[in-house]
Amino acid sequence: MAVRLRLTRVGRKKRPYYRVVAADSAMPRDGRFLEILGTYDPLPNPSISQFKEERVLHWLKNGALPSERVSRLMKHAGLMQKFEEMKGANTKAT
């Protein structure tokens, strides 16, 4: 089972709102997911994204791959840098 961190759309017509979820890569976009990890609201300027940092880092550490958009959102929020630092610290300790 390959786990992806990706967006699933909620919200009404012409008013998109997204959840960041951990889901099996074989599941459809708005289908079953494993865990909700955050939200993304693209309408305000600038857009708003919120993450459960601890859970996102847990999934990344266990091999989950973020989608392109989620990767950009996490980079903007500073989560990718934290993950790289955490990964670097783990390899130095080993």
PDB file of N, CA and C in Angstrom:
ATOM      1  N   MET A   1       0.853  -1.180   0.000  1.00  0.00           N
ATOM      2  CA  MET A   1       0.000   0.000   0.000  1.00  0.00           C
ATOM      3  C   MET A   1       0.895   1.237   0.000  1.00  0.00           C
ATOM      4  N   ALA A   2       0.837   2.028  -1.061  1.00  0.00           N
ATOM      5  CA  ALA A   2       1.593   3.275  -1.160  1.00  0.00           C
ATOM      6  C   ALA A   2       0.721   4.414  -0.630  1.00  0.00           C
ATOM      7  N   VAL A   3       1.237   5.109   0.350  1.00  0.00           N
ATOM      8  CA  VAL A   3       0.477   6.210   0.956  1.00  0.00           C
ATOM      9  C   VAL A   3       0.922   7.519   0.332  1.00  0.00           C
ATOM     10  N   ARG A   4      -0.055   8.341  -0.028  1.00  0.00           N
ATOM     11  CA  ARG A   4       0.202   9.665  -0.588  1.00  0.00           C
ATOM     12  C   ARG A   4      -0.420  10.706   0.322  1.00  0.00           C
ATOM     13  N   LEU A   5       0.236  11.843   0.447  1.00  0.00           N
ATOM     14  CA  LEU A   5      -0.349  12.997   1.114  1.00  0.00           C
ATOM     15  C   LEU A   5      -0.899  13.865  -0.006  1.00  0.00           C
ATOM     16  N   ARG A   6      -2.206  14.068  -0.011  1.00  0.00           N
ATOM     17  CA  ARG A   6      -2.808  14.795  -1.120  1.00  0.00           C
ATOM     18  C   ARG A   6      -4.031  15.569  -0.663  1.00  0.00           C
ATOM     19  N   LEU A   7      -4.593  16.334  -1.594  1.00  0.00           N
ATOM     20  CA  LEU A   7      -5.766  17.151  -1.296  1.00  0.00           C
ATOM     21  C   LEU A   7      -7.033  16.406  -1.674  1.00  0.00           C
ATOM     22  N   THR A   8      -8.062  16.580  -0.874  1.00  0.00           N
ATOM     23  CA  THR A   8      -9.391  16.089  -1.221  1.00  0.00           C
ATOM     24  C   THR A   8     -10.329  17.281  -1.127  1.00  0.00           C
ATOM     25  N   ARG A   9     -11.178  17.445  -2.114  1.00  0.00           N
ATOM     26  CA  ARG A   9     -12.016  18.633  -2.179  1.00  0.00           C
ATOM     27  C   ARG A   9     -13.276  18.468  -1.346  1.00  0.00           C
ATOM     28  N   VAL A  10     -13.546  19.487  -0.562  1.00  0.00           N
ATOM     29  CA  VAL A  10     -14.810  19.637   0.147  1.00  0.00           C
ATOM     30  C   VAL A  10     -15.249  21.065  -0.156  1.00  0.00           C
ATOM     31  N   GLY A  11     -16.405  21.452   0.238  1.00  0.00           N
ATOM     32  CA  GLY A  11     -16.863  22.792  -0.106  1.00  0.00           C
ATOM     33  C   GLY A  11     -17.841  22.738  -1.251  1.00  0.00           C
ATOM     34  N   ARG A  12     -18.498  23.843  -1.487  1.00  0.00           N
ATOM     35  CA  ARG A  12     -19.557  23.832  -2.485  1.00  0.00           C
ATOM     36  C   ARG A  12     -19.074  24.317  -3.852  1.00  0.00           C
ATOM     37  N   LYS A  13     -19.980  24.346  -4.779  1.00  0.00           N
ATOM     38  CA  LYS A  13     -19.695  24.754  -6.145  1.00  0.00           C
ATOM     39  C   LYS A  13     -19.116  26.170  -6.175  1.00  0.00           C
ATOM     40  N   LYS A  14     -18.036  26.348  -6.896  1.00  0.00           N
ATOM     41  CA  LYS A  14     -17.340  27.627  -7.063  1.00  0.00           C
ATOM     42  C   LYS A  14     -16.698  28.148  -5.782  1.00  0.00           C
ATOM     43  N   ARG A  15     -16.723  27.379  -4.705  1.00  0.00           N
ATOM     44  CA  ARG A  15     -16.121  27.765  -3.423  1.00  0.00           C
ATOM     45  C   ARG A  15     -15.249  26.612  -2.918  1.00  0.00           C
ATOM     46  N   PRO A  16     -14.121  26.347  -3.563  1.00  0.00           N
ATOM     47  CA  PRO A  16     -13.324  25.182  -3.171  1.00  0.00           C
ATOM     48  C   PRO A  16     -12.702  25.341  -1.792  1.00  0.00           C
ATOM     49  N   TYR A  17     -12.607  24.241  -1.115  1.00  0.00           N
ATOM     50  CA  TYR A  17     -11.947  24.139   0.180  1.00  0.00           C
ATOM     51  C   TYR A  17     -11.384  22.720   0.212  1.00  0.00           C
ATOM     52  N   TYR A  18     -10.174  22.564   0.642  1.00  0.00           N
ATOM     53  CA  TYR A  18      -9.523  21.261   0.558  1.00  0.00           C
ATOM     54  C   TYR A  18      -9.053  20.781   1.922  1.00  0.00           C
ATOM     55  N   ARG A  19      -9.047  19.469   2.087  1.00  0.00           N
ATOM     56  CA  ARG A  19      -8.420  18.831   3.238  1.00  0.00           C
ATOM     57  C   ARG A  19      -7.133  18.190   2.745  1.00  0.00           C
ATOM     58  N   VAL A  20      -6.106  18.250   3.557  1.00  0.00           N
ATOM     59  CA  VAL A  20      -4.874  17.520   3.274  1.00  0.00           C
ATOM     60  C   VAL A  20      -5.026  16.189   3.998  1.00  0.00           C
ATOM     61  N   VAL A  21      -4.948  15.095   3.246  1.00  0.00           N
ATOM     62  CA  VAL A  21      -5.178  13.775   3.829  1.00  0.00           C
ATOM     63  C   VAL A  21      -4.054  12.826   3.464  1.00  0.00           C
ATOM     64  N   ALA A  22      -3.896  11.793   4.281  1.00  0.00           N
ATOM     65  CA  ALA A  22      -3.041  10.658   3.954  1.00  0.00           C
ATOM     66  C   ALA A  22      -3.985   9.590   3.404  1.00  0.00           C
ATOM     67  N   ALA A  23      -3.725   9.140   2.182  1.00  0.00           N
ATOM     68  CA  ALA A  23      -4.622   8.185   1.536  1.00  0.00           C
ATOM     69  C   ALA A  23      -3.818   7.166   0.743  1.00  0.00           C
ATOM     70  N   ASP A  24      -4.403   6.002   0.582  1.00  0.00           N
ATOM     71  CA  ASP A  24      -3.826   4.987  -0.289  1.00  0.00           C
ATOM     72  C   ASP A  24      -3.849   5.543  -1.716  1.00  0.00           C
ATOM     73  N   SER A  25      -2.763   5.374  -2.448  1.00  0.00           N
ATOM     74  CA  SER A  25      -2.670   5.965  -3.779  1.00  0.00           C
ATOM     75  C   SER A  25      -3.691   5.395  -4.757  1.00  0.00           C
ATOM     76  N   ALA A  26      -4.263   4.222  -4.469  1.00  0.00           N
ATOM     77  CA  ALA A  26      -5.246   3.617  -5.370  1.00  0.00           C
ATOM     78  C   ALA A  26      -6.652   4.184  -5.165  1.00  0.00           C
ATOM     79  N   MET A  27      -6.868   4.915  -4.086  1.00  0.00           N
ATOM     80  CA  MET A  27      -8.198   5.460  -3.795  1.00  0.00           C
ATOM     81  C   MET A  27      -8.470   6.700  -4.655  1.00  0.00           C
ATOM     82  N   PRO A  28      -9.756   6.956  -4.985  1.00  0.00           N
ATOM     83  CA  PRO A  28     -10.090   8.155  -5.753  1.00  0.00           C
ATOM     84  C   PRO A  28      -9.852   9.430  -4.947  1.00  0.00           C
ATOM     85  N   ARG A  29      -9.820  10.571  -5.628  1.00  0.00           N
ATOM     86  CA  ARG A  29      -9.508  11.854  -4.996  1.00  0.00           C
ATOM     87  C   ARG A  29     -10.336  12.124  -3.755  1.00  0.00           C
ATOM     88  N   ASP A  30     -11.642  11.963  -3.854  1.00  0.00           N
ATOM     89  CA  ASP A  30     -12.523  12.245  -2.724  1.00  0.00           C
ATOM     90  C   ASP A  30     -12.970  10.966  -2.024  1.00  0.00           C
ATOM     91  N   GLY A  31     -12.229   9.898  -2.214  1.00  0.00           N
ATOM     92  CA  GLY A  31     -12.588   8.607  -1.638  1.00  0.00           C
ATOM     93  C   GLY A  31     -12.068   8.430  -0.226  1.00  0.00           C
ATOM     94  N   ARG A  32     -11.953   7.183   0.165  1.00  0.00           N
ATOM     95  CA  ARG A  32     -11.537   6.833   1.516  1.00  0.00           C
ATOM     96  C   ARG A  32     -10.104   7.300   1.778  1.00  0.00           C
ATOM     97  N   PHE A  33      -9.859   7.755   2.993  1.00  0.00           N
ATOM     98  CA  PHE A  33      -8.528   8.206   3.389  1.00  0.00           C
ATOM     99  C   PHE A  33      -8.186   7.635   4.750  1.00  0.00           C
ATOM    100  N   LEU A  34      -6.929   7.734   5.116  1.00  0.00           N
ATOM    101  CA  LEU A  34      -6.453   7.183   6.381  1.00  0.00           C
ATOM    102  C   LEU A  34      -6.536   8.192   7.522  1.00  0.00           C
ATOM    103  N   GLU A  35      -6.197   9.462   7.229  1.00  0.00           N
ATOM    104  CA  GLU A  35      -6.173  10.476   8.280  1.00  0.00           C
ATOM    105  C   GLU A  35      -6.218  11.871   7.661  1.00  0.00           C
ATOM    106  N   ILE A  36      -6.903  12.794   8.330  1.00  0.00           N
ATOM    107  CA  ILE A  36      -6.906  14.201   7.927  1.00  0.00           C
ATOM    108  C   ILE A  36      -5.702  14.868   8.579  1.00  0.00           C
ATOM    109  N   LEU A  37      -4.884  15.524   7.767  1.00  0.00           N
ATOM    110  CA  LEU A  37      -3.651  16.128   8.265  1.00  0.00           C
ATOM    111  C   LEU A  37      -3.662  17.646   8.252  1.00  0.00           C
ATOM    112  N   GLY A  38      -4.660  18.251   7.632  1.00  0.00           N
ATOM    113  CA  GLY A  38      -4.705  19.703   7.588  1.00  0.00           C
ATOM    114  C   GLY A  38      -5.750  20.195   6.624  1.00  0.00           C
ATOM    115  N   THR A  39      -5.729  21.511   6.370  1.00  0.00           N
ATOM    116  CA  THR A  39      -6.683  22.135   5.461  1.00  0.00           C
ATOM    117  C   THR A  39      -5.969  23.134   4.561  1.00  0.00           C
ATOM    118  N   TYR A  40      -6.615  23.451   3.449  1.00  0.00           N
ATOM    119  CA  TYR A  40      -6.096  24.440   2.504  1.00  0.00           C
ATOM    120  C   TYR A  40      -7.277  25.199   1.933  1.00  0.00           C
ATOM    121  N   ASP A  41      -7.253  26.526   2.101  1.00  0.00           N
ATOM    122  CA  ASP A  41      -8.301  27.391   1.568  1.00  0.00           C
ATOM    123  C   ASP A  41      -7.669  28.323   0.538  1.00  0.00           C
ATOM    124  N   PRO A  42      -7.902  28.080  -0.767  1.00  0.00           N
ATOM    125  CA  PRO A  42      -7.233  28.866  -1.802  1.00  0.00           C
ATOM    126  C   PRO A  42      -7.878  30.226  -2.086  1.00  0.00           C
ATOM    127  N   LEU A  43      -9.068  30.504  -1.563  1.00  0.00           N
ATOM    128  CA  LEU A  43      -9.779  31.719  -1.948  1.00  0.00           C
ATOM    129  C   LEU A  43      -9.247  33.013  -1.344  1.00  0.00           C
ATOM    130  N   PRO A  44      -8.915  33.073  -0.065  1.00  0.00           N
ATOM    131  CA  PRO A  44      -8.401  34.348   0.451  1.00  0.00           C
ATOM    132  C   PRO A  44      -7.049  34.687  -0.180  1.00  0.00           C
ATOM    133  N   ASN A  45      -6.717  35.954  -0.162  1.00  0.00           N
ATOM    134  CA  ASN A  45      -5.428  36.362  -0.698  1.00  0.00           C
ATOM    135  C   ASN A  45      -4.591  36.905   0.442  1.00  0.00           C
ATOM    136  N   PRO A  46      -3.543  36.300   0.906  1.00  0.00           N
ATOM    137  CA  PRO A  46      -2.959  35.036   0.448  1.00  0.00           C
ATOM    138  C   PRO A  46      -3.744  33.837   0.957  1.00  0.00           C
ATOM    139  N   SER A  47      -3.578  32.713   0.289  1.00  0.00           N
ATOM    140  CA  SER A  47      -4.315  31.506   0.664  1.00  0.00           C
ATOM    141  C   SER A  47      -3.869  31.025   2.048  1.00  0.00           C
ATOM    142  N   ILE A  48      -4.738  30.241   2.688  1.00  0.00           N
ATOM    143  CA  ILE A  48      -4.500  29.782   4.051  1.00  0.00           C
ATOM    144  C   ILE A  48      -4.322  28.267   4.043  1.00  0.00           C
ATOM    145  N   SER A  49      -3.224  27.803   4.636  1.00  0.00           N
ATOM    146  CA  SER A  49      -3.036  26.362   4.803  1.00  0.00           C
ATOM    147  C   SER A  49      -2.617  26.103   6.244  1.00  0.00           C
ATOM    148  N   GLN A  50      -3.193  25.055   6.824  1.00  0.00           N
ATOM    149  CA  GLN A  50      -2.889  24.662   8.193  1.00  0.00           C
ATOM    150  C   GLN A  50      -2.583  23.173   8.199  1.00  0.00           C
ATOM    151  N   PHE A  51      -1.614  22.786   9.010  1.00  0.00           N
ATOM    152  CA  PHE A  51      -1.205  21.390   9.081  1.00  0.00           C
ATOM    153  C   PHE A  51      -1.093  20.942  10.524  1.00  0.00           C
ATOM    154  N   LYS A  52      -1.320  19.636  10.743  1.00  0.00           N
ATOM    155  CA  LYS A  52      -0.981  19.003  12.008  1.00  0.00           C
ATOM    156  C   LYS A  52       0.472  18.549  11.843  1.00  0.00           C
ATOM    157  N   GLU A  53       1.401  19.399  12.257  1.00  0.00           N
ATOM    158  CA  GLU A  53       2.816  19.181  11.958  1.00  0.00           C
ATOM    159  C   GLU A  53       3.328  17.815  12.410  1.00  0.00           C
ATOM    160  N   GLU A  54       2.986  17.437  13.624  1.00  0.00           N
ATOM    161  CA  GLU A  54       3.485  16.174  14.170  1.00  0.00           C
ATOM    162  C   GLU A  54       3.040  14.990  13.313  1.00  0.00           C
ATOM    163  N   ARG A  55       1.778  14.992  12.897  1.00  0.00           N
ATOM    164  CA  ARG A  55       1.253  13.875  12.111  1.00  0.00           C
ATOM    165  C   ARG A  55       1.816  13.877  10.685  1.00  0.00           C
ATOM    166  N   VAL A  56       1.994  15.064  10.096  1.00  0.00           N
ATOM    167  CA  VAL A  56       2.575  15.137   8.751  1.00  0.00           C
ATOM    168  C   VAL A  56       3.995  14.587   8.772  1.00  0.00           C
ATOM    169  N   LEU A  57       4.778  15.001   9.762  1.00  0.00           N
ATOM    170  CA  LEU A  57       6.157  14.510   9.867  1.00  0.00           C
ATOM    171  C   LEU A  57       6.185  13.004  10.113  1.00  0.00           C
ATOM    172  N   HIS A  58       5.220  12.500  10.890  1.00  0.00           N
ATOM    173  CA  HIS A  58       5.121  11.055  11.115  1.00  0.00           C
ATOM    174  C   HIS A  58       4.908  10.315   9.801  1.00  0.00           C
ATOM    175  N   TRP A  59       3.972  10.781   8.980  1.00  0.00           N
ATOM    176  CA  TRP A  59       3.692  10.108   7.713  1.00  0.00           C
ATOM    177  C   TRP A  59       4.882  10.200   6.764  1.00  0.00           C
ATOM    178  N   LEU A  60       5.536  11.363   6.708  1.00  0.00           N
ATOM    179  CA  LEU A  60       6.702  11.502   5.840  1.00  0.00           C
ATOM    180  C   LEU A  60       7.827  10.569   6.290  1.00  0.00           C
ATOM    181  N   LYS A  61       8.022  10.477   7.601  1.00  0.00           N
ATOM    182  CA  LYS A  61       9.067   9.611   8.137  1.00  0.00           C
ATOM    183  C   LYS A  61       8.799   8.146   7.791  1.00  0.00           C
ATOM    184  N   ASN A  62       7.518   7.779   7.707  1.00  0.00           N
ATOM    185  CA  ASN A  62       7.158   6.393   7.398  1.00  0.00           C
ATOM    186  C   ASN A  62       7.022   6.135   5.902  1.00  0.00           C
ATOM    187  N   GLY A  63       7.448   7.080   5.054  1.00  0.00           N
ATOM    188  CA  GLY A  63       7.525   6.821   3.626  1.00  0.00           C
ATOM    189  C   GLY A  63       6.394   7.342   2.765  1.00  0.00           C
ATOM    190  N   ALA A  64       5.491   8.138   3.318  1.00  0.00           N
ATOM    191  CA  ALA A  64       4.410   8.696   2.503  1.00  0.00           C
ATOM    192  C   ALA A  64       4.980   9.749   1.556  1.00  0.00           C
ATOM    193  N   LEU A  65       4.458   9.791   0.334  1.00  0.00           N
ATOM    194  CA  LEU A  65       4.913  10.750  -0.660  1.00  0.00           C
ATOM    195  C   LEU A  65       3.867  11.847  -0.835  1.00  0.00           C
ATOM    196  N   PRO A  66       4.259  13.112  -0.710  1.00  0.00           N
ATOM    197  CA  PRO A  66       3.286  14.189  -0.931  1.00  0.00           C
ATOM    198  C   PRO A  66       3.064  14.428  -2.420  1.00  0.00           C
ATOM    199  N   SER A  67       1.849  14.855  -2.755  1.00  0.00           N
ATOM    200  CA  SER A  67       1.575  15.250  -4.137  1.00  0.00           C
ATOM    201  C   SER A  67       2.339  16.545  -4.411  1.00  0.00           C
ATOM    202  N   GLU A  68       2.367  16.964  -5.654  1.00  0.00           N
ATOM    203  CA  GLU A  68       3.101  18.173  -6.020  1.00  0.00           C
ATOM    204  C   GLU A  68       2.559  19.402  -5.284  1.00  0.00           C
ATOM    205  N   ARG A  69       1.253  19.559  -5.263  1.00  0.00           N
ATOM    206  CA  ARG A  69       0.636  20.718  -4.613  1.00  0.00           C
ATOM    207  C   ARG A  69       0.859  20.678  -3.098  1.00  0.00           C
ATOM    208  N   VAL A  70       0.675  19.528  -2.487  1.00  0.00           N
ATOM    209  CA  VAL A  70       0.868  19.413  -1.039  1.00  0.00           C
ATOM    210  C   VAL A  70       2.335  19.668  -0.695  1.00  0.00           C
ATOM    211  N   SER A  71       3.235  19.216  -1.533  1.00  0.00           N
ATOM    212  CA  SER A  71       4.651  19.460  -1.310  1.00  0.00           C
ATOM    213  C   SER A  71       4.940  20.962  -1.308  1.00  0.00           C
ATOM    214  N   ARG A  72       4.356  21.686  -2.244  1.00  0.00           N
ATOM    215  CA  ARG A  72       4.536  23.139  -2.293  1.00  0.00           C
ATOM    216  C   ARG A  72       3.946  23.820  -1.066  1.00  0.00           C
ATOM    217  N   LEU A  73       2.771  23.378  -0.641  1.00  0.00           N
ATOM    218  CA  LEU A  73       2.141  23.957   0.542  1.00  0.00           C
ATOM    219  C   LEU A  73       2.986  23.701   1.787  1.00  0.00           C
ATOM    220  N   MET A  74       3.520  22.494   1.907  1.00  0.00           N
ATOM    221  CA  MET A  74       4.352  22.163   3.065  1.00  0.00           C
ATOM    222  C   MET A  74       5.666  22.943   3.032  1.00  0.00           C
ATOM    223  N   LYS A  75       6.218  23.144   1.853  1.00  0.00           N
ATOM    224  CA  LYS A  75       7.441  23.927   1.722  1.00  0.00           C
ATOM    225  C   LYS A  75       7.187  25.368   2.167  1.00  0.00           C
ATOM    226  N   HIS A  76       6.033  25.907   1.774  1.00  0.00           N
ATOM    227  CA  HIS A  76       5.656  27.271   2.156  1.00  0.00           C
ATOM    228  C   HIS A  76       5.453  27.385   3.667  1.00  0.00           C
ATOM    229  N   ALA A  77       4.936  26.330   4.292  1.00  0.00           N
ATOM    230  CA  ALA A  77       4.698  26.326   5.742  1.00  0.00           C
ATOM    231  C   ALA A  77       5.955  25.966   6.533  1.00  0.00           C
ATOM    232  N   GLY A  78       7.029  25.550   5.861  1.00  0.00           N
ATOM    233  CA  GLY A  78       8.272  25.213   6.533  1.00  0.00           C
ATOM    234  C   GLY A  78       8.366  23.768   6.990  1.00  0.00           C
ATOM    235  N   LEU A  79       7.400  22.941   6.632  1.00  0.00           N
ATOM    236  CA  LEU A  79       7.411  21.543   7.069  1.00  0.00           C
ATOM    237  C   LEU A  79       8.458  20.714   6.341  1.00  0.00           C
ATOM    238  N   MET A  80       8.707  20.995   5.095  1.00  0.00           N
ATOM    239  CA  MET A  80       9.705  20.216   4.352  1.00  0.00           C
ATOM    240  C   MET A  80      11.096  20.453   4.930  1.00  0.00           C
ATOM    241  N   GLN A  81      11.368  21.684   5.353  1.00  0.00           N
ATOM    242  CA  GLN A  81      12.658  21.985   5.965  1.00  0.00           C
ATOM    243  C   GLN A  81      12.807  21.226   7.286  1.00  0.00           C
ATOM    244  N   LYS A  82      11.735  21.191   8.097  1.00  0.00           N
ATOM    245  CA  LYS A  82      11.776  20.447   9.352  1.00  0.00           C
ATOM    246  C   LYS A  82      12.017  18.962   9.093  1.00  0.00           C
ATOM    247  N   PHE A  83      11.360  18.437   8.054  1.00  0.00           N
ATOM    248  CA  PHE A  83      11.541  17.019   7.723  1.00  0.00           C
ATOM    249  C   PHE A  83      12.972  16.748   7.290  1.00  0.00           C
ATOM    250  N   GLU A  84      13.540  17.614   6.461  1.00  0.00           N
ATOM    251  CA  GLU A  84      14.923  17.430   6.013  1.00  0.00           C
ATOM    252  C   GLU A  84      15.887  17.482   7.194  1.00  0.00           C
ATOM    253  N   GLU A  85      15.660  18.412   8.125  1.00  0.00           N
ATOM    254  CA  GLU A  85      16.507  18.506   9.314  1.00  0.00           C
ATOM    255  C   GLU A  85      16.383  17.238  10.165  1.00  0.00           C
ATOM    256  N   MET A  86      15.141  16.760  10.326  1.00  0.00           N
ATOM    257  CA  MET A  86      14.894  15.560  11.120  1.00  0.00           C
ATOM    258  C   MET A  86      15.572  14.350  10.455  1.00  0.00           C
ATOM    259  N   LYS A  87      15.452  14.262   9.136  1.00  0.00           N
ATOM    260  CA  LYS A  87      16.050  13.167   8.396  1.00  0.00           C
ATOM    261  C   LYS A  87      17.576  13.228   8.486  1.00  0.00           C
ATOM    262  N   GLY A  88      18.134  14.434   8.399  1.00  0.00           N
ATOM    263  CA  GLY A  88      19.571  14.616   8.510  1.00  0.00           C
ATOM    264  C   GLY A  88      20.084  14.264   9.887  1.00  0.00           C
ATOM    265  N   ALA A  89      19.332  14.607  10.929  1.00  0.00           N
ATOM    266  CA  ALA A  89      19.728  14.288  12.292  1.00  0.00           C
ATOM    267  C   ALA A  89      19.704  12.767  12.519  1.00  0.00           C
ATOM    268  N   ASN A  90      18.736  12.076  11.924  1.00  0.00           N
ATOM    269  CA  ASN A  90      18.639  10.629  12.071  1.00  0.00           C
ATOM    270  C   ASN A  90      19.778   9.910  11.379  1.00  0.00           C
ATOM    271  N   THR A  91      20.230  10.408  10.223  1.00  0.00           N
ATOM    272  CA  THR A  91      21.310   9.738   9.522  1.00  0.00           C
ATOM    273  C   THR A  91      22.658   9.973  10.215  1.00  0.00           C
ATOM    274  N   LYS A  92      22.821  11.136  10.857  1.00  0.00           N
ATOM    275  CA  LYS A  92      24.064  11.414  11.575  1.00  0.00           C
ATOM    276  C   LYS A  92      24.155  10.568  12.841  1.00  0.00           C
ATOM    277  N   ALA A  93      23.000  10.305  13.472  1.00  0.00           N
ATOM    278  CA  ALA A  93      22.993   9.520  14.711  1.00  0.00           C
ATOM    279  C   ALA A  93      23.261   8.038  14.450  1.00  0.00           C
ATOM    280  N   THR A  94      23.010   7.597  13.238  1.00  0.00           N
ATOM    281  CA  THR A  94      23.176   6.181  12.936  1.00  0.00           C
ATOM    282  C   THR A  94      24.587   5.804  12.628  1.00  0.00           C
TER     283      THR A  94
END
